[in-house]
Protein backbone atom coordinates (compact mmCIF):
# COMPACT_ATOMS: atom_id res chain seq x y z
CA MET A 1 -23.55 -3.90 -36.42
CA THR A 2 -25.39 -6.65 -38.28
CA GLU A 3 -25.93 -4.60 -41.48
CA GLN A 4 -22.29 -4.33 -42.54
CA PRO A 5 -21.84 -7.99 -43.60
CA GLN A 6 -25.07 -7.75 -45.62
CA GLN A 7 -23.84 -4.61 -47.37
CA ARG A 8 -20.60 -6.33 -48.27
CA ASN A 9 -22.50 -9.33 -49.62
CA ILE A 10 -24.69 -7.13 -51.82
CA ALA A 11 -21.67 -5.19 -53.09
CA GLU A 12 -19.94 -8.45 -53.93
CA ILE A 13 -23.03 -9.73 -55.75
CA LEU A 14 -23.41 -6.52 -57.76
CA ALA A 15 -19.74 -6.70 -58.69
CA GLN A 16 -20.44 -10.07 -60.31
CA LEU A 17 -23.19 -8.64 -62.60
CA GLN A 18 -21.05 -8.42 -65.72
CA THR A 19 -23.22 -9.72 -68.56
CA SER A 20 -26.21 -8.00 -70.17
CA THR A 21 -28.51 -10.84 -69.05
CA GLN A 22 -27.52 -10.37 -65.41
CA LEU A 23 -28.00 -6.59 -65.67
CA LEU A 24 -31.42 -7.17 -67.20
CA GLY A 25 -32.39 -9.28 -64.19
CA LEU A 26 -31.37 -6.51 -61.79
CA PHE A 27 -33.17 -3.85 -63.89
CA SER A 28 -36.36 -5.93 -63.97
CA LEU A 29 -36.38 -6.07 -60.17
CA LEU A 30 -36.20 -2.29 -60.00
CA LEU A 31 -38.84 -1.89 -62.71
CA GLU A 32 -41.20 -4.28 -60.95
CA SER A 33 -40.92 -2.27 -57.74
CA ILE A 34 -41.73 0.99 -59.61
CA LEU A 35 -44.72 -0.59 -61.40
CA VAL A 36 -46.19 -1.87 -58.13
CA VAL A 37 -46.10 1.65 -56.70
CA CYS A 38 -47.61 3.10 -59.89
CA ILE A 39 -50.50 0.61 -59.95
CA TRP A 40 -51.72 1.87 -56.60
CA LYS A 41 -51.45 5.54 -57.56
CA LEU A 42 -52.70 5.52 -61.19
CA GLU A 43 -56.26 5.20 -62.45
CA GLY A 44 -58.12 4.11 -65.55
CA THR A 45 -56.25 3.15 -68.72
CA THR A 46 -52.87 4.18 -67.32
CA GLN A 47 -53.36 1.85 -64.34
CA LEU A 48 -54.36 -0.99 -66.69
CA VAL A 49 -51.22 -0.48 -68.77
CA ALA A 50 -49.11 -0.53 -65.59
CA ILE A 51 -50.76 -3.80 -64.50
CA ILE A 52 -50.08 -5.42 -67.89
CA LEU A 53 -46.44 -4.29 -67.83
CA GLY A 54 -46.13 -5.57 -64.30
CA LEU A 55 -47.45 -9.00 -65.27
CA MET A 56 -45.11 -9.15 -68.27
CA ASN A 57 -42.13 -8.16 -66.17
CA PHE A 58 -42.98 -10.51 -63.29
CA PRO A 59 -41.23 -13.67 -64.67
CA ILE A 60 -38.09 -11.66 -65.35
CA ALA A 61 -38.21 -10.22 -61.84
CA ILE A 62 -38.53 -13.73 -60.37
CA TRP A 63 -35.49 -14.83 -62.37
CA GLY A 64 -33.58 -11.84 -61.00
CA VAL A 65 -34.43 -12.78 -57.41
CA ILE A 66 -33.32 -16.38 -57.97
CA TYR A 67 -30.07 -15.27 -59.57
CA LEU A 68 -29.20 -12.82 -56.77
CA GLU A 69 -30.02 -15.41 -54.09
CA ARG A 70 -27.83 -18.03 -55.75
CA SER A 71 -25.04 -15.46 -56.01
CA ARG A 72 -25.40 -14.70 -52.29
CA ILE A 73 -25.17 -18.39 -51.39
CA ARG A 74 -22.05 -18.84 -53.51
CA PHE A 75 -20.45 -15.80 -51.89
CA ASP A 76 -21.34 -16.99 -48.37
CA SER A 77 -19.78 -20.38 -49.13
CA VAL A 78 -16.53 -18.74 -50.19
CA SER A 79 -16.41 -16.25 -47.30
CA ASN A 80 -17.39 -18.95 -44.75
CA PRO A 81 -15.92 -22.35 -45.77
CA SER A 82 -17.76 -24.09 -42.90
CA LEU A 83 -21.00 -23.59 -44.86
CA SER A 84 -19.71 -25.58 -47.82
CA SER A 85 -19.40 -29.33 -48.04
CA PRO A 86 -15.90 -30.44 -46.98
CA GLU A 87 -16.10 -33.41 -49.29
CA THR A 88 -16.62 -31.25 -52.38
CA GLU A 89 -14.89 -27.96 -51.52
CA ILE A 90 -11.71 -28.86 -49.63
CA GLN A 91 -8.82 -30.19 -51.68
CA TYR A 92 -6.94 -32.59 -49.40
CA GLU A 93 -3.23 -33.23 -49.86
CA TYR A 94 -3.31 -36.54 -47.98
CA ASP A 95 -5.85 -39.35 -47.73
CA VAL A 96 -4.98 -40.01 -44.11
CA PHE A 97 -2.82 -38.75 -41.24
CA LEU A 98 -1.13 -41.77 -39.63
CA SER A 99 -0.20 -41.14 -36.00
CA ALA A 100 2.13 -43.44 -34.06
CA PRO A 101 4.46 -43.05 -31.04
CA MET A 102 7.99 -41.80 -31.76
CA ASP A 103 9.50 -39.91 -28.83
CA SER A 104 8.05 -42.41 -26.36
CA TRP A 105 10.60 -45.11 -27.13
CA ASP A 106 13.67 -45.42 -24.90
CA ASP A 107 16.39 -45.59 -27.54
CA ASP A 108 17.08 -45.45 -31.27
CA ASN A 109 16.81 -49.21 -31.64
CA ASP A 110 13.24 -49.27 -30.29
CA LEU A 111 12.43 -46.26 -32.44
CA ARG A 112 13.78 -47.97 -35.54
CA LEU A 113 11.95 -51.25 -34.90
CA ASN A 114 8.60 -49.55 -34.31
CA ARG A 115 9.11 -47.23 -37.27
CA GLU A 116 9.55 -50.27 -39.52
CA LYS A 117 6.24 -51.66 -38.22
CA ILE A 118 4.42 -48.41 -38.96
CA ILE A 119 5.92 -48.33 -42.47
CA LYS A 120 4.34 -51.77 -43.00
CA ILE A 121 0.98 -50.40 -41.81
CA LYS A 122 1.36 -47.49 -44.22
CA ALA A 123 1.92 -49.93 -47.08
CA ALA A 124 -1.07 -52.05 -45.98
CA LEU A 125 -3.33 -48.99 -45.95
CA ARG A 126 -2.36 -48.32 -49.52
CA LYS A 127 -2.79 -51.91 -50.65
CA PHE A 128 -6.00 -52.89 -48.87
CA CYS A 129 -7.74 -49.56 -48.14
CA GLY A 130 -6.87 -47.57 -51.23
CA LEU A 131 -5.25 -44.83 -49.12
CA GLU A 132 -2.56 -43.81 -51.58
CA LEU A 133 -1.31 -40.67 -49.88
CA THR A 134 -0.56 -41.19 -46.20
CA PHE A 135 1.25 -38.66 -44.03
CA TYR A 136 3.41 -40.27 -41.34
CA ALA A 137 5.79 -37.93 -39.52
CA GLY A 138 8.30 -40.72 -38.90
CA THR A 139 8.74 -41.72 -42.55
CA ASP A 140 12.19 -40.14 -42.80
CA ILE A 141 13.15 -40.17 -39.11
CA GLU A 142 15.42 -43.11 -38.42
CA ASN A 143 16.87 -41.91 -35.11
CA ARG A 144 16.23 -39.33 -32.40
CA ALA A 145 18.89 -37.00 -33.80
CA LYS A 146 16.49 -36.22 -36.65
CA PHE A 147 13.70 -35.08 -34.36
CA GLN A 148 12.48 -31.54 -34.96
CA ALA A 149 12.07 -29.03 -32.16
CA PRO A 150 8.71 -29.61 -30.41
CA SER A 151 7.31 -26.24 -31.52
CA VAL A 152 8.23 -26.91 -35.16
CA ALA A 153 6.79 -30.44 -35.05
CA LEU A 154 3.56 -29.13 -33.52
CA ARG A 155 3.10 -26.48 -36.21
CA GLN A 156 3.91 -28.81 -39.08
CA ASN A 157 1.80 -31.71 -37.78
CA PHE A 158 -1.17 -29.41 -37.25
CA GLU A 159 -0.80 -28.14 -40.81
CA LYS A 160 -0.57 -31.69 -42.19
CA MET A 161 -3.59 -32.72 -40.14
CA GLY A 162 -5.62 -29.98 -41.76
CA LYS A 163 -4.53 -31.20 -45.19
CA SER A 164 -5.50 -34.81 -44.42
CA LYS A 165 -8.95 -36.21 -45.08
CA LYS A 166 -8.95 -38.87 -42.34
CA PHE A 167 -6.99 -39.87 -39.23
CA ILE A 168 -5.56 -43.16 -37.96
CA MET A 169 -3.87 -43.64 -34.58
CA ILE A 170 -1.68 -46.58 -33.58
CA TYR A 171 -1.60 -46.85 -29.77
CA PRO A 172 0.24 -50.11 -29.05
CA GLU A 173 0.58 -49.68 -25.30
CA PRO A 174 0.05 -47.07 -22.56
CA LEU A 175 2.53 -44.35 -23.43
CA ALA A 176 2.94 -40.66 -22.70
CA SER A 177 2.78 -39.83 -26.38
CA SER A 178 1.87 -36.88 -28.56
CA ILE A 179 -0.42 -39.14 -30.57
CA LEU A 180 -3.16 -38.54 -27.97
CA LEU A 181 -2.89 -34.81 -28.68
CA GLU A 182 -3.11 -35.57 -32.40
CA ALA A 183 -6.22 -37.67 -31.80
CA GLY A 184 -7.75 -34.64 -30.10
CA MET A 185 -6.77 -32.44 -33.04
CA ALA A 186 -8.49 -34.85 -35.42
CA LEU A 187 -11.70 -34.74 -33.38
CA ALA A 188 -11.62 -30.93 -33.24
CA LEU A 189 -11.09 -30.77 -37.00
CA ARG A 190 -13.85 -33.38 -37.48
CA LYS A 191 -11.67 -35.93 -39.23
CA ASP A 192 -13.18 -39.41 -39.46
CA SER A 193 -10.91 -41.42 -37.17
CA VAL A 194 -9.76 -44.99 -36.61
CA TRP A 195 -7.84 -45.91 -33.46
CA PHE A 196 -5.93 -49.18 -33.19
CA VAL A 197 -5.32 -49.74 -29.49
CA HIS A 198 -3.91 -52.55 -27.40
CA ASP A 199 -6.75 -52.13 -24.90
CA ARG A 200 -9.37 -49.38 -24.99
CA ASP A 201 -9.25 -49.16 -21.17
CA GLN A 202 -5.70 -47.85 -21.57
CA LEU A 203 -7.02 -44.78 -23.37
CA PRO A 204 -7.73 -41.55 -21.45
CA TYR A 205 -11.17 -41.65 -19.82
CA LEU A 206 -13.03 -39.50 -22.37
CA LEU A 207 -11.70 -41.54 -25.28
CA ARG A 208 -12.49 -45.05 -24.03
CA GLU A 209 -16.03 -45.12 -25.40
CA ALA A 210 -15.58 -42.53 -28.13
CA SER A 211 -17.00 -44.88 -30.75
CA ASN A 212 -20.35 -44.75 -28.90
CA ALA A 213 -20.39 -40.98 -29.50
CA SER A 214 -19.50 -41.34 -33.17
CA ARG A 215 -21.32 -38.86 -35.45
CA GLN A 216 -23.14 -37.21 -32.55
CA ASN A 217 -23.13 -33.55 -31.48
CA GLY A 218 -20.79 -32.58 -34.30
CA LEU A 219 -18.26 -35.36 -33.72
CA PRO A 220 -16.84 -37.23 -36.72
CA SER A 221 -16.97 -40.98 -37.25
CA ILE A 222 -14.80 -42.75 -34.63
CA SER A 223 -13.87 -46.43 -34.87
CA ILE A 224 -11.86 -48.26 -32.20
CA TYR A 225 -10.17 -51.60 -32.85
CA GLN A 226 -8.55 -53.58 -30.05
CA CYS A 227 -5.39 -55.10 -31.50
CA PRO A 228 -2.86 -56.63 -29.06
CA SER A 229 -0.03 -56.45 -31.62
CA ILE A 230 1.01 -54.77 -34.85
CA ASP A 231 0.39 -58.08 -36.62
CA ASP A 232 -3.23 -57.84 -35.44
CA VAL A 233 -3.43 -54.32 -36.84
CA LEU A 234 -2.14 -55.53 -40.20
CA LYS A 235 -4.59 -58.43 -40.16
CA THR A 236 -7.52 -56.13 -39.41
CA ILE A 237 -6.54 -53.76 -42.22
CA GLU A 238 -6.29 -56.67 -44.65
CA GLN A 239 -9.64 -58.13 -43.59
CA ASP A 240 -11.69 -54.94 -43.40
CA GLY A 241 -9.98 -53.02 -46.17
CA LYS A 242 -11.88 -49.88 -47.16
CA ASP A 243 -14.50 -50.61 -44.47
CA ILE A 244 -12.23 -49.81 -41.51
CA PHE A 245 -13.80 -46.36 -41.22
CA LYS A 246 -17.36 -47.72 -41.32
CA LYS A 247 -17.27 -49.39 -37.92
CA GLY A 248 -17.99 -46.06 -36.23
């Protein structure tokens, strides 16, 4: 059961041996193996010749081993993205996923007023934090009539989360909001996270002291800022700038 992945790796590596130099490295490995066997079985002058050839071929054989091992590592990184560095391998579409309540507001007027506040936060993130590309689901949603079906919104938001490098949550007051689910998504996907909350005690129990678990046991960086109002959020973003993610 465990040999099949190795066989596929070797086949993939051999398929990449296209140049004469790479073929020479593979041939030298085979030749070195044959010479080692011959040295033990031959005698006299023939054995001496085999030893000399073996010594001459040894550096080439070492190069072949190094090449094949590097090829294996590159293949493993492609076949298993979790082994590669997310910072260098993953091409993100967005700098940050900005999560804020939408469906939690009672009417279109409340929705519109809070949407305008989040748009200001989005602009502040660009100006003071250098976060040029921010995904905010409410950017083009001015009223509840423009809401997507929950299943569609879930699929699309999960996709956008995966394409975002970092995560920011705005939790202005205790609300039954999908943003708490999105915060959980961000943790599961190991997105460095910043939460702006009115009061951390209003968060679900496991999240209240999340910053104390930051960067432990596979968790990403988690920073929590207590901001009683949106104006306080804007002030914090302006003051801390690009350092807002360093608190965790």
